[in-house]
Amino acid sequence: GAVSSALPPARLRCHLAAAVGSRAGPAMPHFQAWEEFTRA
């Protein structure tokens, strides 16, 4: 905790975002075609 709190706020946010982003969650396909998205 001492190491994390020594980080500047911007770097801390990036560090936390990277840690949270590594969780397994639902896959998020980005659709390029509107019709495909609406059907799905």
Full PDB file with SEQRES, HELIX, SHEET, SSBOND, CRYST1, ORIGX, SCALE, CONECT and MASTER records, all heavy atoms in Angstrom:
SEQRES   1 A   40  GLY ALA VAL SER SER ALA LEU PRO PRO ALA ARG LEU ARG          
SEQRES   2 A   40  CYS HIS LEU ALA ALA ALA VAL GLY SER ARG ALA GLY PRO          
SEQRES   3 A   40  ALA MET PRO HIS PHE GLN ALA TRP GLU GLU PHE THR ARG          
SEQRES   4 A   40  ALA                                                          
HELIX    1 AA1 ALA A    2  SER A    5  1                                   4    
HELIX    2 AA2 PRO A    9  GLY A   21  1                                  13    
HELIX    3 AA3 TRP A   34  ARG A   39  1                                   6    
CRYST1    1.000    1.000    1.000  90.00  90.00  90.00 P 1           1          
ORIGX1      1.000000  0.000000  0.000000        0.00000                         
ORIGX2      0.000000  1.000000  0.000000        0.00000                         
ORIGX3      0.000000  0.000000  1.000000        0.00000                         
SCALE1      1.000000  0.000000  0.000000        0.00000                         
SCALE2      0.000000  1.000000  0.000000        0.00000                         
SCALE3      0.000000  0.000000  1.000000        0.00000                         
ATOM      1  N   GLY A   1       0.819  -1.203   0.000  1.00  0.00           N  
ATOM      2  CA  GLY A   1       0.000   0.000   0.000  1.00  0.00           C  
ATOM      3  C   GLY A   1       0.851   1.248   0.000  1.00  0.00           C  
ATOM      4  O   GLY A   1       0.509   2.252  -0.597  1.00  0.00           O  
ATOM      5  N   ALA A   2       2.015   1.206   0.675  1.00  0.00           N  
ATOM      6  CA  ALA A   2       2.895   2.367   0.729  1.00  0.00           C  
ATOM      7  C   ALA A   2       3.461   2.673  -0.650  1.00  0.00           C  
ATOM      8  O   ALA A   2       3.607   3.828  -1.023  1.00  0.00           O  
ATOM      9  CB  ALA A   2       4.027   2.130   1.726  1.00  0.00           C  
ATOM     10  N   VAL A   3       3.758   1.654  -1.417  1.00  0.00           N  
ATOM     11  CA  VAL A   3       4.295   1.864  -2.757  1.00  0.00           C  
ATOM     12  C   VAL A   3       3.228   2.467  -3.657  1.00  0.00           C  
ATOM     13  O   VAL A   3       3.486   3.403  -4.387  1.00  0.00           O  
ATOM     14  CB  VAL A   3       4.826   0.534  -3.351  1.00  0.00           C  
ATOM     15  CG1 VAL A   3       5.229   0.709  -4.793  1.00  0.00           C  
ATOM     16  CG2 VAL A   3       5.992   0.021  -2.525  1.00  0.00           C  
ATOM     17  N   SER A   4       1.993   1.942  -3.591  1.00  0.00           N  
ATOM     18  CA  SER A   4       0.910   2.438  -4.427  1.00  0.00           C  
ATOM     19  C   SER A   4       0.548   3.868  -4.081  1.00  0.00           C  
ATOM     20  O   SER A   4       0.268   4.670  -4.946  1.00  0.00           O  
ATOM     21  CB  SER A   4      -0.328   1.554  -4.277  1.00  0.00           C  
ATOM     22  OG  SER A   4      -0.060   0.278  -4.773  1.00  0.00           O  
ATOM     23  N   SER A   5       0.556   4.218  -2.786  1.00  0.00           N  
ATOM     24  CA  SER A   5       0.174   5.567  -2.399  1.00  0.00           C  
ATOM     25  C   SER A   5       1.248   6.579  -2.770  1.00  0.00           C  
ATOM     26  O   SER A   5       0.983   7.766  -2.817  1.00  0.00           O  
ATOM     27  CB  SER A   5      -0.125   5.626  -0.899  1.00  0.00           C  
ATOM     28  OG  SER A   5       1.048   5.313  -0.168  1.00  0.00           O  
ATOM     29  N   ALA A   6       2.478   6.125  -3.038  1.00  0.00           N  
ATOM     30  CA  ALA A   6       3.550   7.028  -3.431  1.00  0.00           C  
ATOM     31  C   ALA A   6       3.459   7.415  -4.903  1.00  0.00           C  
ATOM     32  O   ALA A   6       4.113   8.345  -5.339  1.00  0.00           O  
ATOM     33  CB  ALA A   6       4.904   6.380  -3.153  1.00  0.00           C  
ATOM     34  N   LEU A   7       2.626   6.718  -5.660  1.00  0.00           N  
ATOM     35  CA  LEU A   7       2.480   7.040  -7.077  1.00  0.00           C  
ATOM     36  C   LEU A   7       1.706   8.343  -7.248  1.00  0.00           C  
ATOM     37  O   LEU A   7       0.800   8.637  -6.473  1.00  0.00           O  
ATOM     38  CB  LEU A   7       1.718   5.928  -7.795  1.00  0.00           C  
ATOM     39  CG  LEU A   7       2.409   4.585  -7.934  1.00  0.00           C  
ATOM     40  CD1 LEU A   7       1.436   3.578  -8.508  1.00  0.00           C  
ATOM     41  CD2 LEU A   7       3.636   4.688  -8.800  1.00  0.00           C  
ATOM     42  N   PRO A   8       2.044   9.139  -8.252  1.00  0.00           N  
ATOM     43  CA  PRO A   8       1.232  10.316  -8.553  1.00  0.00           C  
ATOM     44  C   PRO A   8      -0.176   9.892  -8.936  1.00  0.00           C  
ATOM     45  O   PRO A   8      -0.389   8.779  -9.414  1.00  0.00           O  
ATOM     46  CB  PRO A   8       1.948  10.950  -9.760  1.00  0.00           C  
ATOM     47  CG  PRO A   8       3.289  10.336  -9.798  1.00  0.00           C  
ATOM     48  CD  PRO A   8       3.195   9.012  -9.112  1.00  0.00           C  
ATOM     49  N   PRO A   9      -1.177  10.745  -8.744  1.00  0.00           N  
ATOM     50  CA  PRO A   9      -2.567  10.359  -8.988  1.00  0.00           C  
ATOM     51  C   PRO A   9      -2.828   9.801 -10.385  1.00  0.00           C  
ATOM     52  O   PRO A   9      -3.529   8.818 -10.520  1.00  0.00           O  
ATOM     53  CB  PRO A   9      -3.342  11.653  -8.768  1.00  0.00           C  
ATOM     54  CG  PRO A   9      -2.481  12.461  -7.874  1.00  0.00           C  
ATOM     55  CD  PRO A   9      -1.077  12.083  -8.193  1.00  0.00           C  
ATOM     56  N   ALA A  10      -2.272  10.396 -11.431  1.00  0.00           N  
ATOM     57  CA  ALA A  10      -2.520   9.910 -12.791  1.00  0.00           C  
ATOM     58  C   ALA A  10      -1.962   8.503 -12.976  1.00  0.00           C  
ATOM     59  O   ALA A  10      -2.607   7.637 -13.559  1.00  0.00           O  
ATOM     60  CB  ALA A  10      -1.918  10.859 -13.821  1.00  0.00           C  
ATOM     61  N   ARG A  11      -0.762   8.275 -12.476  1.00  0.00           N  
ATOM     62  CA  ARG A  11      -0.167   6.947 -12.599  1.00  0.00           C  
ATOM     63  C   ARG A  11      -0.905   5.945 -11.740  1.00  0.00           C  
ATOM     64  O   ARG A  11      -1.037   4.783 -12.103  1.00  0.00           O  
ATOM     65  CB  ARG A  11       1.309   6.985 -12.226  1.00  0.00           C  
ATOM     66  CG  ARG A  11       2.145   7.698 -13.274  1.00  0.00           C  
ATOM     67  CD  ARG A  11       3.602   7.611 -13.005  1.00  0.00           C  
ATOM     68  NE  ARG A  11       4.046   6.224 -13.084  1.00  0.00           N  
ATOM     69  CZ  ARG A  11       5.182   5.798 -12.574  1.00  0.00           C  
ATOM     70  NH1 ARG A  11       5.980   6.614 -11.940  1.00  0.00           N  
ATOM     71  NH2 ARG A  11       5.519   4.541 -12.681  1.00  0.00           N  
ATOM     72  N   LEU A  12      -1.419   6.393 -10.605  1.00  0.00           N  
ATOM     73  CA  LEU A  12      -2.178   5.508  -9.739  1.00  0.00           C  
ATOM     74  C   LEU A  12      -3.460   5.064 -10.438  1.00  0.00           C  
ATOM     75  O   LEU A  12      -3.816   3.901 -10.413  1.00  0.00           O  
ATOM     76  CB  LEU A  12      -2.515   6.211  -8.417  1.00  0.00           C  
ATOM     77  CG  LEU A  12      -3.337   5.415  -7.415  1.00  0.00           C  
ATOM     78  CD1 LEU A  12      -2.586   4.150  -7.004  1.00  0.00           C  
ATOM     79  CD2 LEU A  12      -3.636   6.259  -6.194  1.00  0.00           C  
ATOM     80  N   ARG A  13      -4.136   6.001 -11.109  1.00  0.00           N  
ATOM     81  CA  ARG A  13      -5.351   5.653 -11.838  1.00  0.00           C  
ATOM     82  C   ARG A  13      -5.051   4.647 -12.941  1.00  0.00           C  
ATOM     83  O   ARG A  13      -5.790   3.693 -13.129  1.00  0.00           O  
ATOM     84  CB  ARG A  13      -6.011   6.902 -12.419  1.00  0.00           C  
ATOM     85  CG  ARG A  13      -6.758   7.716 -11.390  1.00  0.00           C  
ATOM     86  CD  ARG A  13      -7.622   8.751 -12.063  1.00  0.00           C  
ATOM     87  NE  ARG A  13      -6.896   9.685 -12.888  1.00  0.00           N  
ATOM     88  CZ  ARG A  13      -6.400  10.844 -12.450  1.00  0.00           C  
ATOM     89  NH1 ARG A  13      -6.553  11.210 -11.205  1.00  0.00           N  
ATOM     90  NH2 ARG A  13      -5.759  11.639 -13.276  1.00  0.00           N  
ATOM     91  N   CYS A  14      -3.968   4.846 -13.670  1.00  0.00           N  
ATOM     92  CA  CYS A  14      -3.596   3.902 -14.735  1.00  0.00           C  
ATOM     93  C   CYS A  14      -3.272   2.538 -14.143  1.00  0.00           C  
ATOM     94  O   CYS A  14      -3.649   1.504 -14.690  1.00  0.00           O  
ATOM     95  CB  CYS A  14      -2.396   4.422 -15.520  1.00  0.00           C  
ATOM     96  SG  CYS A  14      -2.778   5.863 -16.514  1.00  0.00           S  
ATOM     97  N   HIS A  15      -2.577   2.559 -13.005  1.00  0.00           N  
ATOM     98  CA  HIS A  15      -2.212   1.313 -12.336  1.00  0.00           C  
ATOM     99  C   HIS A  15      -3.461   0.561 -11.886  1.00  0.00           C  
ATOM    100  O   HIS A  15      -3.588  -0.642 -12.092  1.00  0.00           O  
ATOM    101  CB  HIS A  15      -1.307   1.637 -11.144  1.00  0.00           C  
ATOM    102  CG  HIS A  15      -0.905   0.440 -10.341  1.00  0.00           C  
ATOM    103  ND1 HIS A  15      -0.035  -0.505 -10.820  1.00  0.00           N  
ATOM    104  CD2 HIS A  15      -1.267   0.033  -9.099  1.00  0.00           C  
ATOM    105  CE1 HIS A  15       0.129  -1.439  -9.906  1.00  0.00           C  
ATOM    106  NE2 HIS A  15      -0.608  -1.138  -8.849  1.00  0.00           N  
ATOM    107  N   LEU A  16      -4.416   1.275 -11.301  1.00  0.00           N  
ATOM    108  CA  LEU A  16      -5.656   0.649 -10.850  1.00  0.00           C  
ATOM    109  C   LEU A  16      -6.488   0.168 -12.031  1.00  0.00           C  
ATOM    110  O   LEU A  16      -7.079  -0.903 -11.980  1.00  0.00           O  
ATOM    111  CB  LEU A  16      -6.470   1.620  -9.994  1.00  0.00           C  
ATOM    112  CG  LEU A  16      -5.867   1.943  -8.633  1.00  0.00           C  
ATOM    113  CD1 LEU A  16      -6.690   3.026  -7.950  1.00  0.00           C  
ATOM    114  CD2 LEU A  16      -5.761   0.715  -7.768  1.00  0.00           C  
ATOM    115  N   ALA A  17      -6.536   0.948 -13.097  1.00  0.00           N  
ATOM    116  CA  ALA A  17      -7.306   0.550 -14.277  1.00  0.00           C  
ATOM    117  C   ALA A  17      -6.730  -0.726 -14.886  1.00  0.00           C  
ATOM    118  O   ALA A  17      -7.470  -1.601 -15.326  1.00  0.00           O  
ATOM    119  CB  ALA A  17      -7.318   1.669 -15.314  1.00  0.00           C  
ATOM    120  N   ALA A  18      -5.420  -0.840 -14.895  1.00  0.00           N  
ATOM    121  CA  ALA A  18      -4.785  -2.040 -15.435  1.00  0.00           C  
ATOM    122  C   ALA A  18      -5.109  -3.249 -14.563  1.00  0.00           C  
ATOM    123  O   ALA A  18      -5.365  -4.337 -15.061  1.00  0.00           O  
ATOM    124  CB  ALA A  18      -3.278  -1.844 -15.539  1.00  0.00           C  
ATOM    125  N   ALA A  19      -5.138  -3.053 -13.242  1.00  0.00           N  
ATOM    126  CA  ALA A  19      -5.434  -4.150 -12.332  1.00  0.00           C  
ATOM    127  C   ALA A  19      -6.890  -4.594 -12.469  1.00  0.00           C  
ATOM    128  O   ALA A  19      -7.191  -5.772 -12.487  1.00  0.00           O  
ATOM    129  CB  ALA A  19      -5.145  -3.736 -10.892  1.00  0.00           C  
ATOM    130  N   VAL A  20      -7.799  -3.645 -12.591  1.00  0.00           N  
ATOM    131  CA  VAL A  20      -9.209  -3.969 -12.736  1.00  0.00           C  
ATOM    132  C   VAL A  20      -9.478  -4.570 -14.106  1.00  0.00           C  
ATOM    133  O   VAL A  20     -10.257  -5.496 -14.244  1.00  0.00           O  
ATOM    134  CB  VAL A  20     -10.086  -2.704 -12.515  1.00  0.00           C  
ATOM    135  CG1 VAL A  20     -11.524  -2.968 -12.887  1.00  0.00           C  
ATOM    136  CG2 VAL A  20      -9.968  -2.258 -11.078  1.00  0.00           C  
ATOM    137  N   GLY A  21      -8.818  -4.076 -15.134  1.00  0.00           N  
ATOM    138  CA  GLY A  21      -9.018  -4.568 -16.492  1.00  0.00           C  
ATOM    139  C   GLY A  21      -8.569  -5.991 -16.691  1.00  0.00           C  
ATOM    140  O   GLY A  21      -8.990  -6.657 -17.621  1.00  0.00           O  
ATOM    141  N   SER A  22      -7.726  -6.498 -15.800  1.00  0.00           N  
ATOM    142  CA  SER A  22      -7.238  -7.858 -15.962  1.00  0.00           C  
ATOM    143  C   SER A  22      -8.235  -8.904 -15.469  1.00  0.00           C  
ATOM    144  O   SER A  22      -8.028 -10.080 -15.662  1.00  0.00           O  
ATOM    145  CB  SER A  22      -5.908  -8.022 -15.221  1.00  0.00           C  
ATOM    146  OG  SER A  22      -6.099  -7.851 -13.828  1.00  0.00           O  
ATOM    147  N   ARG A  23      -9.342  -8.455 -14.825  1.00  0.00           N  
ATOM    148  CA  ARG A  23     -10.368  -9.394 -14.375  1.00  0.00           C  
ATOM    149  C   ARG A  23     -11.046 -10.028 -15.577  1.00  0.00           C  
ATOM    150  O   ARG A  23     -11.225  -9.406 -16.608  1.00  0.00           O  
ATOM    151  CB  ARG A  23     -11.449  -8.673 -13.571  1.00  0.00           C  
ATOM    152  CG  ARG A  23     -11.043  -8.268 -12.224  1.00  0.00           C  
ATOM    153  CD  ARG A  23     -12.222  -7.819 -11.418  1.00  0.00           C  
ATOM    154  NE  ARG A  23     -13.249  -7.177 -12.214  1.00  0.00           N  
ATOM    155  CZ  ARG A  23     -13.983  -6.174 -11.806  1.00  0.00           C  
ATOM    156  NH1 ARG A  23     -13.793  -5.678 -10.622  1.00  0.00           N  
ATOM    157  NH2 ARG A  23     -14.913  -5.670 -12.568  1.00  0.00           N  
ATOM    158  N   ALA A  24     -11.467 -11.247 -15.387  1.00  0.00           N  
ATOM    159  CA  ALA A  24     -12.213 -11.914 -16.444  1.00  0.00           C  
ATOM    160  C   ALA A  24     -13.653 -11.424 -16.393  1.00  0.00           C  
ATOM    161  O   ALA A  24     -14.280 -11.441 -15.346  1.00  0.00           O  
ATOM    162  CB  ALA A  24     -12.153 -13.427 -16.279  1.00  0.00           C  
ATOM    163  N   GLY A  25     -14.171 -10.968 -17.497  1.00  0.00           N  
ATOM    164  CA  GLY A  25     -15.535 -10.473 -17.553  1.00  0.00           C  
ATOM    165  C   GLY A  25     -16.139 -10.864 -18.880  1.00  0.00           C  
ATOM    166  O   GLY A  25     -15.542 -11.608 -19.659  1.00  0.00           O  
ATOM    167  N   PRO A  26     -17.335 -10.358 -19.156  1.00  0.00           N  
ATOM    168  CA  PRO A  26     -17.969 -10.710 -20.429  1.00  0.00           C  
ATOM    169  C   PRO A  26     -17.173 -10.143 -21.604  1.00  0.00           C  
ATOM    170  O   PRO A  26     -16.621  -9.057 -21.522  1.00  0.00           O  
ATOM    171  CB  PRO A  26     -19.346 -10.071 -20.336  1.00  0.00           C  
ATOM    172  CG  PRO A  26     -19.256  -9.063 -19.262  1.00  0.00           C  
ATOM    173  CD  PRO A  26     -18.146  -9.472 -18.346  1.00  0.00           C  
ATOM    174  N   ALA A  27     -17.105 -10.912 -22.668  1.00  0.00           N  
ATOM    175  CA  ALA A  27     -16.423 -10.446 -23.864  1.00  0.00           C  
ATOM    176  C   ALA A  27     -17.250  -9.330 -24.489  1.00  0.00           C  
ATOM    177  O   ALA A  27     -18.471  -9.379 -24.487  1.00  0.00           O  
ATOM    178  CB  ALA A  27     -16.267 -11.600 -24.852  1.00  0.00           C  
ATOM    179  N   MET A  28     -16.591  -8.290 -24.996  1.00  0.00           N  
ATOM    180  CA  MET A  28     -17.311  -7.161 -25.576  1.00  0.00           C  
ATOM    181  C   MET A  28     -16.930  -6.989 -27.037  1.00  0.00           C  
ATOM    182  O   MET A  28     -15.998  -6.261 -27.353  1.00  0.00           O  
ATOM    183  CB  MET A  28     -17.000  -5.876 -24.800  1.00  0.00           C  
ATOM    184  CG  MET A  28     -17.609  -5.859 -23.449  1.00  0.00           C  
ATOM    185  SD  MET A  28     -17.922  -4.252 -22.742  1.00  0.00           S  
ATOM    186  CE  MET A  28     -16.450  -3.341 -22.975  1.00  0.00           C  
ATOM    187  N   PRO A  29     -17.648  -7.663 -27.924  1.00  0.00           N  
ATOM    188  CA  PRO A  29     -17.358  -7.449 -29.344  1.00  0.00           C  
ATOM    189  C   PRO A  29     -17.861  -6.079 -29.782  1.00  0.00           C  
ATOM    190  O   PRO A  29     -18.976  -5.686 -29.456  1.00  0.00           O  
ATOM    191  CB  PRO A  29     -18.118  -8.570 -30.041  1.00  0.00           C  
ATOM    192  CG  PRO A  29     -19.219  -8.918 -29.114  1.00  0.00           C  
ATOM    193  CD  PRO A  29     -18.691  -8.654 -27.732  1.00  0.00           C  
ATOM    194  N   HIS A  30     -17.038  -5.341 -30.481  1.00  0.00           N  
ATOM    195  CA  HIS A  30     -17.431  -4.052 -31.033  1.00  0.00           C  
ATOM    196  C   HIS A  30     -17.939  -4.284 -32.448  1.00  0.00           C  
ATOM    197  O   HIS A  30     -17.185  -4.711 -33.307  1.00  0.00           O  
ATOM    198  CB  HIS A  30     -16.228  -3.094 -31.077  1.00  0.00           C  
ATOM    199  CG  HIS A  30     -15.800  -2.626 -29.740  1.00  0.00           C  
ATOM    200  ND1 HIS A  30     -15.141  -3.435 -28.853  1.00  0.00           N  
ATOM    201  CD2 HIS A  30     -15.961  -1.430 -29.140  1.00  0.00           C  
ATOM    202  CE1 HIS A  30     -14.889  -2.741 -27.760  1.00  0.00           C  
ATOM    203  NE2 HIS A  30     -15.379  -1.540 -27.902  1.00  0.00           N  
ATOM    204  N   PHE A  31     -19.212  -4.030 -32.653  1.00  0.00           N  
ATOM    205  CA  PHE A  31     -19.806  -4.230 -33.967  1.00  0.00           C  
ATOM    206  C   PHE A  31     -19.537  -3.022 -34.850  1.00  0.00           C  
ATOM    207  O   PHE A  31     -19.660  -1.885 -34.405  1.00  0.00           O  
ATOM    208  CB  PHE A  31     -21.322  -4.448 -33.845  1.00  0.00           C  
ATOM    209  CG  PHE A  31     -21.682  -5.801 -33.330  1.00  0.00           C  
ATOM    210  CD1 PHE A  31     -21.750  -6.051 -31.974  1.00  0.00           C  
ATOM    211  CD2 PHE A  31     -21.950  -6.836 -34.202  1.00  0.00           C  
ATOM    212  CE1 PHE A  31     -22.077  -7.303 -31.498  1.00  0.00           C  
ATOM    213  CE2 PHE A  31     -22.281  -8.095 -33.736  1.00  0.00           C  
ATOM    214  CZ  PHE A  31     -22.336  -8.327 -32.379  1.00  0.00           C  
ATOM    215  N   GLN A  32     -19.173  -3.272 -36.086  1.00  0.00           N  
ATOM    216  CA  GLN A  32     -18.964  -2.206 -37.056  1.00  0.00           C  
ATOM    217  C   GLN A  32     -20.226  -1.957 -37.873  1.00  0.00           C  
ATOM    218  O   GLN A  32     -20.491  -0.848 -38.277  1.00  0.00           O  
ATOM    219  CB  GLN A  32     -17.802  -2.566 -38.002  1.00  0.00           C  
ATOM    220  CG  GLN A  32     -16.487  -2.792 -37.286  1.00  0.00           C  
ATOM    221  CD  GLN A  32     -15.974  -1.548 -36.594  1.00  0.00           C  
ATOM    222  OE1 GLN A  32     -16.143  -0.445 -37.082  1.00  0.00           O  
ATOM    223  NE2 GLN A  32     -15.367  -1.723 -35.434  1.00  0.00           N  
ATOM    224  N   ALA A  33     -21.004  -3.005 -38.110  1.00  0.00           N  
ATOM    225  CA  ALA A  33     -22.222  -2.898 -38.911  1.00  0.00           C  
ATOM    226  C   ALA A  33     -23.437  -2.795 -37.993  1.00  0.00           C  
ATOM    227  O   ALA A  33     -23.616  -3.621 -37.091  1.00  0.00           O  
ATOM    228  CB  ALA A  33     -22.359  -4.105 -39.833  1.00  0.00           C  
ATOM    229  N   TRP A  34     -24.271  -1.787 -38.232  1.00  0.00           N  
ATOM    230  CA  TRP A  34     -25.444  -1.546 -37.409  1.00  0.00           C  
ATOM    231  C   TRP A  34     -26.441  -2.707 -37.464  1.00  0.00           C  
ATOM    232  O   TRP A  34     -26.993  -3.108 -36.452  1.00  0.00           O  
ATOM    233  CB  TRP A  34     -26.099  -0.235 -37.842  1.00  0.00           C  
ATOM    234  CG  TRP A  34     -27.377   0.026 -37.143  1.00  0.00           C  
ATOM    235  CD1 TRP A  34     -28.629   0.024 -37.680  1.00  0.00           C  
ATOM    236  CD2 TRP A  34     -27.556   0.310 -35.749  1.00  0.00           C  
ATOM    237  NE1 TRP A  34     -29.568   0.284 -36.717  1.00  0.00           N  
ATOM    238  CE2 TRP A  34     -28.929   0.466 -35.518  1.00  0.00           C  
ATOM    239  CE3 TRP A  34     -26.686   0.427 -34.676  1.00  0.00           C  
ATOM    240  CZ2 TRP A  34     -29.461   0.750 -34.263  1.00  0.00           C  
ATOM    241  CZ3 TRP A  34     -27.213   0.710 -33.425  1.00  0.00           C  
ATOM    242  CH2 TRP A  34     -28.573   0.868 -33.236  1.00  0.00           C  
ATOM    243  N   GLU A  35     -26.660  -3.254 -38.654  1.00  0.00           N  
ATOM    244  CA  GLU A  35     -27.625  -4.337 -38.813  1.00  0.00           C  
ATOM    245  C   GLU A  35     -27.211  -5.569 -38.006  1.00  0.00           C  
ATOM    246  O   GLU A  35     -28.052  -6.231 -37.398  1.00  0.00           O  
ATOM    247  CB  GLU A  35     -27.803  -4.708 -40.293  1.00  0.00           C  
ATOM    248  CG  GLU A  35     -28.477  -3.632 -41.120  1.00  0.00           C  
ATOM    249  CD  GLU A  35     -27.515  -2.494 -41.493  1.00  0.00           C  
ATOM    250  OE1 GLU A  35     -26.284  -2.690 -41.449  1.00  0.00           O  
ATOM    251  OE2 GLU A  35     -28.020  -1.404 -41.796  1.00  0.00           O  
ATOM    252  N   GLU A  36     -25.924  -5.890 -38.018  1.00  0.00           N  
ATOM    253  CA  GLU A  36     -25.430  -7.034 -37.245  1.00  0.00           C  
ATOM    254  C   GLU A  36     -25.659  -6.810 -35.757  1.00  0.00           C  
ATOM    255  O   GLU A  36     -26.067  -7.722 -35.036  1.00  0.00           O  
ATOM    256  CB  GLU A  36     -23.939  -7.254 -37.502  1.00  0.00           C  
ATOM    257  CG  GLU A  36     -23.612  -7.795 -38.866  1.00  0.00           C  
ATOM    258  CD  GLU A  36     -22.112  -7.942 -39.051  1.00  0.00           C  
ATOM    259  OE1 GLU A  36     -21.382  -8.105 -38.041  1.00  0.00           O  
ATOM    260  OE2 GLU A  36     -21.674  -7.887 -40.201  1.00  0.00           O  
ATOM    261  N   PHE A  37     -25.380  -5.590 -35.312  1.00  0.00           N  
ATOM    262  CA  PHE A  37     -25.564  -5.277 -33.893  1.00  0.00           C  
ATOM    263  C   PHE A  37     -27.028  -5.420 -33.480  1.00  0.00           C  
ATOM    264  O   PHE A  37     -27.334  -6.026 -32.452  1.00  0.00           O  
ATOM    265  CB  PHE A  37     -25.073  -3.860 -33.580  1.00  0.00           C  
ATOM    266  CG  PHE A  37     -25.411  -3.422 -32.180  1.00  0.00           C  
ATOM    267  CD1 PHE A  37     -24.666  -3.871 -31.111  1.00  0.00           C  
ATOM    268  CD2 PHE A  37     -26.484  -2.583 -31.941  1.00  0.00           C  
ATOM    269  CE1 PHE A  37     -24.988  -3.493 -29.822  1.00  0.00           C  
ATOM    270  CE2 PHE A  37     -26.814  -2.198 -30.658  1.00  0.00           C  
ATOM    271  CZ  PHE A  37     -26.063  -2.656 -29.595  1.00  0.00           C  
ATOM    272  N   THR A  38     -27.949  -4.879 -34.285  1.00  0.00           N  
ATOM    273  CA  THR A  38     -29.363  -4.937 -33.914  1.00  0.00           C  
ATOM    274  C   THR A  38     -29.875  -6.381 -33.883  1.00  0.00           C  
ATOM    275  O   THR A  38     -30.622  -6.742 -32.977  1.00  0.00           O  
ATOM    276  CB  THR A  38     -30.235  -4.088 -34.860  1.00  0.00           C  
ATOM    277  OG1 THR A  38     -30.054  -4.516 -36.204  1.00  0.00           O  
ATOM    278  CG2 THR A  38     -29.920  -2.617 -34.716  1.00  0.00           C  
ATOM    279  N   ARG A  39     -29.448  -7.190 -34.864  1.00  0.00           N  
ATOM    280  CA  ARG A  39     -29.865  -8.597 -34.865  1.00  0.00           C  
ATOM    281  C   ARG A  39     -29.355  -9.322 -33.619  1.00  0.00           C  
ATOM    282  O   ARG A  39     -30.093 -10.062 -32.959  1.00  0.00           O  
ATOM    283  CB  ARG A  39     -29.372  -9.306 -36.124  1.00  0.00           C  
ATOM    284  CG  ARG A  39     -30.258  -9.078 -37.329  1.00  0.00           C  
ATOM    285  CD  ARG A  39     -29.909 -10.045 -38.442  1.00  0.00           C  
ATOM    286  NE  ARG A  39     -28.525  -9.914 -38.884  1.00  0.00           N  
ATOM    287  CZ  ARG A  39     -28.127  -9.163 -39.903  1.00  0.00           C  
ATOM    288  NH1 ARG A  39     -29.008  -8.486 -40.604  1.00  0.00           N  
ATOM    289  NH2 ARG A  39     -26.865  -9.100 -40.240  1.00  0.00           N  
ATOM    290  N   ALA A  40     -28.080  -9.111 -33.299  1.00  0.00           N  
ATOM    291  CA  ALA A  40     -27.487  -9.780 -32.136  1.00  0.00           C  
ATOM    292  C   ALA A  40     -28.128  -9.299 -30.833  1.00  0.00           C  
ATOM    293  O   ALA A  40     -28.391 -10.099 -29.931  1.00  0.00           O  
ATOM    294  CB  ALA A  40     -25.979  -9.538 -32.110  1.00  0.00           C  
TER     295      ALA A  40                                                      
MASTER        0    0    0    3    0    0    0    6  294    1    0    4          
END                                                                             
